[in-house]
Amino acid sequence: MQDIFGQALADQFNGIKSNKLWINNKYGKKEEMPLNVYFRSAHDMPDLESLALNLCKGRVLDIGAGAGSHALLLQQQGFDISAMDISHLAVDIMKRRGVKHAFEGDIFNYSDDKYDTLILMMNGIGLCGTLGQFKVFLNHARFLLNAGGQLIFDSSDIAYLYNGKPPVGAGYYGELDYQYVYKGKKSDWFKWLYIDLNTLTKIALEENWTVDLKFDDGYDQYLVILTPIV
């Protein structure tokens, strides 16, 4: 897949802001993805993300780190933080912004080190794509964590897209299809997962993880810490 997202980030970082990054979907109109949110300072972080960073401990791996804003804040706080992204352009941006340990990689193929905290922000858990792959991710995350380690991420219940009555019988409603569009170029279609809290809790328990709800905005977005059951 072309690194269209990475190119959009790179243009934003380099001050080229005349183009917009769009996301096509299969449930409605295309949506603009604002690029400035990937370059936020601590002052601009929403409460959910600030809380997530405060919950980190020990050695941290920021998965799907994008432009590295969360990794930079953790680094400034003295954490031993590594940041990974599948986009080589995003990794280059992180290094240029000052992230000391940034590297390109696919989390599903990564097994080089172990950590005390795995964190995925801005619905980064969506990279799983499907509920089945989420289960695969949980098994792999267990391998990447030291004893007593934790997995931190946020997600959303997108039943609101269906007026609170998501379709049944056609796969899980939170498995969405997206496509990036930037400067007239289109990426391949890809799956992105939004998982409601009840479904998450059920799967986590089946896969022997505890779920600790840390933030719920009262509508659809939440933050959790998952811990492997030994």
Protein backbone atom coordinates (compact mmCIF):
# COMPACT_ATOMS: atom_id res chain seq x y z
CA MET A 1 0.00 0.00 0.00
CA GLN A 2 1.31 3.45 -0.88
CA ASP A 3 2.37 5.48 2.13
CA ILE A 4 -0.26 8.14 1.47
CA PHE A 5 -0.84 8.82 5.16
CA GLY A 6 2.89 9.22 5.73
CA GLN A 7 3.19 11.64 2.81
CA ALA A 8 0.37 13.76 4.20
CA LEU A 9 2.10 13.86 7.60
CA ALA A 10 5.40 14.77 5.95
CA ASP A 11 3.83 17.66 4.04
CA GLN A 12 2.22 18.96 7.23
CA PHE A 13 5.54 18.73 9.07
CA ASN A 14 7.36 20.52 6.24
CA GLY A 15 4.83 23.35 6.13
CA ILE A 16 3.08 22.23 2.93
CA LYS A 17 -0.54 22.58 4.02
CA SER A 18 -2.36 23.29 0.76
CA ASN A 19 -3.72 19.75 0.41
CA LYS A 20 -6.24 17.83 2.51
CA LEU A 21 -6.18 14.19 3.54
CA TRP A 22 -9.54 12.56 2.90
CA ILE A 23 -10.88 9.19 4.00
CA ASN A 24 -13.38 7.33 1.87
CA ASN A 25 -15.67 4.89 3.63
CA LYS A 26 -18.53 2.57 2.72
CA TYR A 27 -21.17 3.96 5.07
CA GLY A 28 -21.41 7.63 4.10
CA LYS A 29 -19.66 10.70 2.70
CA LYS A 30 -15.90 11.04 2.63
CA GLU A 31 -14.38 12.69 5.69
CA GLU A 32 -11.41 15.02 6.11
CA MET A 33 -8.71 13.87 8.51
CA PRO A 34 -7.16 16.96 10.11
CA LEU A 35 -3.38 16.58 10.13
CA ASN A 36 -2.55 19.12 12.81
CA VAL A 37 -3.88 16.78 15.53
CA TYR A 38 -0.84 14.55 14.99
CA PHE A 39 1.46 17.39 16.06
CA ARG A 40 -0.24 18.38 19.30
CA SER A 41 1.54 19.67 22.38
CA ALA A 42 0.71 18.59 25.93
CA HIS A 43 -1.57 21.61 26.25
CA ASP A 44 -3.67 20.44 23.30
CA MET A 45 -4.04 16.82 24.35
CA PRO A 46 -7.59 15.75 25.23
CA ASP A 47 -8.19 14.48 28.76
CA LEU A 48 -8.35 10.85 27.64
CA GLU A 49 -4.89 10.96 26.07
CA SER A 50 -3.32 12.90 28.95
CA LEU A 51 -4.69 10.30 31.35
CA ALA A 52 -3.36 7.45 29.22
CA LEU A 53 0.15 8.93 29.28
CA ASN A 54 -0.03 9.36 33.04
CA LEU A 55 -0.92 5.67 33.40
CA CYS A 56 2.23 4.48 31.62
CA LYS A 57 4.93 2.70 33.61
CA GLY A 58 8.37 1.25 33.00
CA ARG A 59 9.60 0.64 29.47
CA VAL A 60 6.99 1.80 26.97
CA LEU A 61 6.27 0.93 23.34
CA ASP A 62 4.05 3.40 21.46
CA ILE A 63 2.45 1.37 18.67
CA GLY A 64 1.27 3.22 15.56
CA ALA A 65 2.99 6.33 16.91
CA GLY A 66 2.34 8.52 13.84
CA ALA A 67 4.23 11.80 14.16
CA GLY A 68 5.39 10.90 17.66
CA SER A 69 3.58 13.48 19.80
CA HIS A 70 2.75 11.02 22.60
CA ALA A 71 6.21 9.45 22.50
CA LEU A 72 7.83 12.88 22.76
CA LEU A 73 5.82 13.75 25.87
CA LEU A 74 6.71 10.45 27.53
CA GLN A 75 10.35 10.95 26.60
CA GLN A 76 10.30 14.42 28.15
CA GLN A 77 8.94 12.86 31.34
CA GLY A 78 11.95 10.55 31.50
CA PHE A 79 10.38 7.34 30.23
CA ASP A 80 12.35 4.72 28.35
CA ILE A 81 10.06 5.04 25.32
CA SER A 82 10.25 3.43 21.90
CA ALA A 83 7.90 4.42 19.07
CA MET A 84 7.00 2.29 16.08
CA ASP A 85 4.96 2.90 12.97
CA ILE A 86 4.43 1.02 9.74
CA SER A 87 5.08 4.24 7.78
CA HIS A 88 8.75 4.98 7.07
CA LEU A 89 7.85 8.64 6.47
CA ALA A 90 6.22 8.85 9.90
CA VAL A 91 9.32 7.31 11.48
CA ASP A 92 11.50 9.89 9.75
CA ILE A 93 9.28 12.67 11.11
CA MET A 94 9.51 11.26 14.63
CA LYS A 95 13.29 11.18 14.46
CA ARG A 96 13.43 14.73 13.13
CA ARG A 97 11.14 15.86 15.94
CA GLY A 98 13.51 14.35 18.50
CA VAL A 99 12.12 10.90 19.33
CA LYS A 100 15.28 8.98 20.27
CA HIS A 101 14.02 5.45 19.64
CA ALA A 102 11.72 5.39 16.60
CA PHE A 103 11.59 2.53 14.15
CA GLU A 104 9.55 1.17 11.26
CA GLY A 105 7.69 -2.06 11.83
CA ASP A 106 4.49 -4.07 11.79
CA ILE A 107 3.49 -4.93 15.35
CA PHE A 108 2.21 -8.35 14.30
CA ASN A 109 5.71 -9.26 13.07
CA TYR A 110 7.65 -7.61 15.89
CA SER A 111 9.27 -9.65 18.65
CA ASP A 112 12.61 -7.95 19.29
CA ASP A 113 12.05 -6.71 22.84
CA LYS A 114 9.76 -6.69 25.85
CA TYR A 115 8.03 -3.80 27.60
CA ASP A 116 6.10 -2.86 30.71
CA THR A 117 3.52 -0.79 28.81
CA LEU A 118 2.14 -1.10 25.30
CA ILE A 119 0.12 1.96 24.31
CA LEU A 120 -2.01 2.72 21.26
CA MET A 121 -3.60 6.17 21.07
CA MET A 122 -6.17 7.85 18.83
CA ASN A 123 -7.96 4.52 18.36
CA GLY A 124 -4.69 2.92 17.35
CA ILE A 125 -6.16 -0.46 18.28
CA GLY A 126 -8.10 -0.05 15.05
CA LEU A 127 -5.07 -1.41 13.20
CA CYS A 128 -6.34 -4.87 14.15
CA GLY A 129 -9.07 -4.41 11.54
CA THR A 130 -11.30 -7.25 12.73
CA LEU A 131 -12.33 -8.93 15.97
CA GLY A 132 -10.45 -12.03 14.91
CA GLN A 133 -7.25 -10.09 14.42
CA PHE A 134 -7.82 -8.33 17.74
CA LYS A 135 -7.62 -11.74 19.41
CA VAL A 136 -4.37 -12.40 17.54
CA PHE A 137 -3.08 -9.05 18.76
CA LEU A 138 -3.89 -9.85 22.39
CA ASN A 139 -1.96 -13.11 22.18
CA HIS A 140 1.01 -11.34 20.62
CA ALA A 141 0.84 -8.45 23.12
CA ARG A 142 1.08 -10.97 25.95
CA PHE A 143 4.40 -12.14 24.48
CA LEU A 144 5.73 -8.56 24.25
CA LEU A 145 4.96 -7.66 27.89
CA ASN A 146 7.16 -8.20 30.90
CA ALA A 147 5.60 -9.78 33.98
CA GLY A 148 3.11 -7.30 35.44
CA GLY A 149 2.92 -5.41 32.13
CA GLN A 150 -0.10 -3.58 30.75
CA LEU A 151 -1.82 -2.70 27.48
CA ILE A 152 -3.40 0.78 27.21
CA PHE A 153 -5.68 1.91 24.40
CA ASP A 154 -8.85 3.80 23.56
CA SER A 155 -11.69 2.91 21.22
CA SER A 156 -15.28 3.85 20.45
CA ASP A 157 -18.69 2.30 20.05
CA ILE A 158 -19.81 3.47 16.62
CA ALA A 159 -23.42 2.32 16.95
CA TYR A 160 -24.29 6.02 16.50
CA LEU A 161 -23.52 5.62 12.80
CA TYR A 162 -26.60 3.41 12.65
CA ASN A 163 -28.77 5.52 14.98
CA GLY A 164 -28.05 3.13 17.82
CA LYS A 165 -29.28 0.11 15.86
CA PRO A 166 -26.25 -1.49 14.18
CA PRO A 167 -26.91 -4.18 11.57
CA VAL A 168 -26.80 -7.82 12.62
CA GLY A 169 -25.83 -10.90 10.67
CA ALA A 170 -23.33 -9.21 8.35
CA GLY A 171 -20.19 -9.26 10.48
CA TYR A 172 -19.31 -7.01 13.39
CA TYR A 173 -20.50 -3.43 12.82
CA GLY A 174 -17.24 -1.94 14.09
CA GLU A 175 -15.15 -3.49 11.30
CA LEU A 176 -15.04 -0.63 8.81
CA ASP A 177 -13.48 -0.23 5.38
CA TYR A 178 -11.45 2.90 4.68
CA GLN A 179 -9.35 4.39 1.90
CA TYR A 180 -6.94 7.35 2.08
CA VAL A 181 -7.09 10.00 -0.65
CA TYR A 182 -4.36 12.63 -0.89
CA LYS A 183 -3.14 14.75 -3.81
CA GLY A 184 -5.31 12.73 -6.16
CA LYS A 185 -3.80 9.41 -5.09
CA LYS A 186 -5.76 6.64 -3.41
CA SER A 187 -4.57 3.92 -1.07
CA ASP A 188 -5.87 0.38 -1.16
CA TRP A 189 -8.97 -0.19 0.95
CA PHE A 190 -8.12 -1.35 4.46
CA LYS A 191 -9.99 -2.55 7.54
CA TRP A 192 -10.12 -0.47 10.74
CA LEU A 193 -11.68 -1.68 13.98
CA TYR A 194 -13.87 0.21 16.44
CA ILE A 195 -14.86 -2.05 19.31
CA ASP A 196 -17.61 -1.40 21.83
CA LEU A 197 -16.77 -1.90 25.49
CA ASN A 198 -19.04 -4.91 26.03
CA THR A 199 -17.56 -6.79 23.09
CA LEU A 200 -14.05 -5.84 24.16
CA THR A 201 -14.64 -7.09 27.70
CA LYS A 202 -16.09 -10.39 26.49
CA ILE A 203 -13.15 -11.07 24.17
CA ALA A 204 -10.56 -9.96 26.74
CA LEU A 205 -11.95 -12.36 29.34
CA GLU A 206 -12.02 -15.19 26.80
CA GLU A 207 -8.36 -14.50 26.03
CA ASN A 208 -7.45 -14.24 29.76
CA TRP A 209 -7.01 -10.50 30.19
CA THR A 210 -8.52 -8.27 32.85
CA VAL A 211 -10.16 -5.01 31.76
CA ASP A 212 -9.92 -1.83 33.82
CA LEU A 213 -12.05 1.04 32.48
CA LYS A 214 -10.20 4.31 33.13
CA PHE A 215 -12.25 6.84 31.16
CA ASP A 216 -15.68 6.96 29.56
CA ASP A 217 -16.91 10.15 27.94
CA GLY A 218 -20.53 9.09 28.46
CA TYR A 219 -21.20 8.80 24.74
CA ASP A 220 -19.06 6.40 22.75
CA GLN A 221 -15.34 6.82 23.53
CA TYR A 222 -13.46 5.10 26.35
CA LEU A 223 -9.97 4.27 27.65
CA VAL A 224 -8.95 0.92 29.14
CA ILE A 225 -6.00 -0.86 30.65
CA LEU A 226 -5.78 -4.57 29.88
CA THR A 227 -3.57 -6.83 32.00
CA PRO A 228 -2.76 -10.48 31.19
CA ILE A 229 -4.10 -13.03 33.65
CA VAL A 230 -1.17 -15.23 34.63
